[in-house]
Amino acid sequence: MAFGSFNSSGAQAPMAEINTTPLVDVMLVLLIIFIITAPLMTHSVQIELPRASSSPTPEKPMTLSVSINAQGNIYIGSEQVANDQLMARFQAAVAQDPKVEMHLQADRDVRYEIVAETMSAARRAGLTKIGFLTQPSEAHE
């Protein structure tokens, strides 16, 4: 594999051969690295784990479904609740289960003030977990 010649007779043509020596060197080094590290990757420490009998808690916390329609009417479940009764209903739910979760779904046309007042009443009553329910958006094409 010659890179050039010293005789000045003739035109110099570009070299058309690919030098594969560096490629082979890198591949051999990687092969050696993989041969050395492969046993280390499969090595595991054998331990005896303790056994315990437990089962997950089947109880889920109570959920309070609160809905607000476009007219601003507030519903807990399917029952309409007046604004002055809202705080008492939230406090009763917290007294029944301190880990109660509130799922709030509001119409897109409802005023934000009504939603904010409902959330504020829930926080004052002791509800700490409040989630918003929404509809999934249409798939964009």
Protein backbone atom coordinates (compact mmCIF):
# COMPACT_ATOMS: atom_id res chain seq x y z
CA MET A 1 0.00 0.00 0.00
CA ALA A 2 1.97 2.92 -1.30
CA PHE A 3 1.04 6.53 -0.69
CA GLY A 4 3.10 8.02 -3.40
CA SER A 5 6.23 7.49 -5.41
CA PHE A 6 9.50 9.36 -5.71
CA ASN A 7 9.85 9.13 -9.43
CA SER A 8 8.81 12.25 -11.21
CA SER A 9 7.67 10.58 -14.36
CA GLY A 10 3.94 10.66 -14.69
CA ALA A 11 1.10 12.53 -13.09
CA GLN A 12 0.12 11.91 -9.53
CA ALA A 13 -3.26 10.17 -9.26
CA PRO A 14 -5.32 10.40 -6.12
CA MET A 15 -5.19 7.41 -3.80
CA ALA A 16 -8.21 5.16 -4.39
CA GLU A 17 -7.69 2.73 -1.47
CA ILE A 18 -9.35 3.12 1.91
CA ASN A 19 -7.00 2.76 4.84
CA THR A 20 -8.73 0.25 7.15
CA THR A 21 -5.92 -0.07 9.70
CA PRO A 22 -7.36 2.51 12.17
CA LEU A 23 -10.79 0.89 11.88
CA VAL A 24 -9.38 -2.55 12.71
CA ASP A 25 -7.40 -1.09 15.64
CA VAL A 26 -10.52 0.53 17.13
CA MET A 27 -12.56 -2.64 16.67
CA LEU A 28 -9.91 -4.77 18.40
CA VAL A 29 -9.76 -2.37 21.35
CA LEU A 30 -13.56 -2.43 21.68
CA LEU A 31 -13.57 -6.22 21.48
CA ILE A 32 -11.04 -6.44 24.32
CA ILE A 33 -13.08 -3.98 26.43
CA PHE A 34 -16.26 -5.98 25.89
CA ILE A 35 -14.51 -9.27 26.69
CA ILE A 36 -13.28 -7.82 29.98
CA THR A 37 -16.52 -6.10 31.03
CA ALA A 38 -19.03 -8.78 29.96
CA PRO A 39 -18.48 -11.02 33.01
CA LEU A 40 -18.82 -8.02 35.33
CA MET A 41 -22.23 -7.14 33.91
CA THR A 42 -23.70 -10.58 34.62
CA HIS A 43 -22.24 -10.82 38.11
CA SER A 44 -24.83 -10.56 40.86
CA VAL A 45 -24.72 -10.84 44.59
CA GLN A 46 -26.78 -13.68 45.98
CA ILE A 47 -28.76 -12.52 48.99
CA GLU A 48 -31.68 -13.97 50.88
CA LEU A 49 -34.41 -11.36 51.17
CA PRO A 50 -36.66 -11.37 54.21
CA ARG A 51 -40.24 -12.45 53.76
CA ALA A 52 -43.18 -10.40 54.96
CA SER A 53 -46.87 -10.94 54.61
CA SER A 54 -48.68 -7.78 53.64
CA SER A 55 -51.39 -6.87 51.25
CA PRO A 56 -52.16 -3.54 49.62
CA THR A 57 -54.94 -1.55 51.16
CA PRO A 58 -58.07 -2.20 49.11
CA GLU A 59 -59.71 0.98 50.39
CA LYS A 60 -59.47 4.01 48.20
CA PRO A 61 -60.15 7.39 49.72
CA MET A 62 -63.63 8.78 49.39
CA THR A 63 -64.13 11.00 46.34
CA LEU A 64 -66.39 13.99 46.30
CA SER A 65 -67.60 14.77 42.79
CA VAL A 66 -68.35 18.50 42.44
CA SER A 67 -69.78 19.85 39.18
CA ILE A 68 -70.50 23.42 38.11
CA ASN A 69 -72.72 23.98 35.08
CA ALA A 70 -72.69 26.98 32.73
CA GLN A 71 -75.34 28.80 34.78
CA GLY A 72 -73.12 28.61 37.89
CA ASN A 73 -75.18 25.98 39.72
CA ILE A 74 -73.03 23.77 41.97
CA TYR A 75 -73.74 20.04 42.29
CA ILE A 76 -72.23 17.52 44.70
CA GLY A 77 -72.85 14.20 43.03
CA SER A 78 -76.21 14.73 41.34
CA GLU A 79 -77.68 16.95 44.08
CA GLN A 80 -77.74 20.73 43.63
CA VAL A 81 -76.21 22.59 46.57
CA ALA A 82 -76.69 26.25 47.45
CA ASN A 83 -73.62 28.41 48.06
CA ASP A 84 -74.42 28.79 51.78
CA GLN A 85 -74.61 24.99 52.23
CA LEU A 86 -71.39 24.28 50.33
CA MET A 87 -68.99 24.79 53.25
CA ALA A 88 -71.08 22.57 55.55
CA ARG A 89 -71.18 19.78 52.97
CA PHE A 90 -67.38 19.93 52.53
CA GLN A 91 -66.85 19.88 56.32
CA ALA A 92 -69.15 16.87 56.65
CA ALA A 93 -67.18 15.02 53.98
CA VAL A 94 -63.88 15.80 55.73
CA ALA A 95 -65.35 14.67 59.06
CA GLN A 96 -66.39 11.38 57.44
CA ASP A 97 -62.98 10.77 55.79
CA PRO A 98 -60.02 13.12 56.39
CA LYS A 99 -58.36 11.95 53.16
CA VAL A 100 -61.32 12.78 50.96
CA GLU A 101 -60.50 13.82 47.40
CA MET A 102 -62.53 16.41 45.50
CA HIS A 103 -62.96 15.97 41.75
CA LEU A 104 -64.05 19.28 40.26
CA GLN A 105 -65.57 19.52 36.80
CA ALA A 106 -66.73 22.88 35.54
CA ASP A 107 -68.36 23.90 32.29
CA ARG A 108 -66.06 25.84 29.97
CA ASP A 109 -68.47 28.80 30.00
CA VAL A 110 -68.69 29.12 33.80
CA ARG A 111 -67.18 32.23 35.38
CA TYR A 112 -63.82 31.61 37.01
CA GLU A 113 -65.00 33.44 40.14
CA ILE A 114 -67.47 30.63 40.92
CA VAL A 115 -64.78 27.97 40.48
CA ALA A 116 -62.35 29.94 42.66
CA GLU A 117 -64.96 30.41 45.41
CA THR A 118 -65.77 26.68 45.36
CA MET A 119 -62.09 25.76 45.64
CA SER A 120 -61.61 28.30 48.42
CA ALA A 121 -64.55 26.87 50.38
CA ALA A 122 -63.09 23.38 49.94
CA ARG A 123 -59.68 24.48 51.25
CA ARG A 124 -61.23 26.24 54.25
CA ALA A 125 -63.21 23.07 55.04
CA GLY A 126 -60.00 21.03 55.10
CA LEU A 127 -59.96 19.40 51.65
CA THR A 128 -56.34 19.14 50.57
CA LYS A 129 -56.63 17.01 47.44
CA ILE A 130 -58.47 18.79 44.64
CA GLY A 131 -58.38 17.49 41.07
CA PHE A 132 -59.80 18.97 37.88
CA LEU A 133 -61.60 16.69 35.43
CA THR A 134 -61.35 17.58 31.75
CA GLN A 135 -62.26 16.06 28.42
CA PRO A 136 -59.37 14.84 26.24
CA SER A 137 -58.73 17.05 23.23
CA GLU A 138 -59.31 15.80 19.70
CA ALA A 139 -56.32 14.16 18.03
CA HIS A 140 -54.45 16.59 15.79
CA GLU A 141 -53.87 15.33 12.32
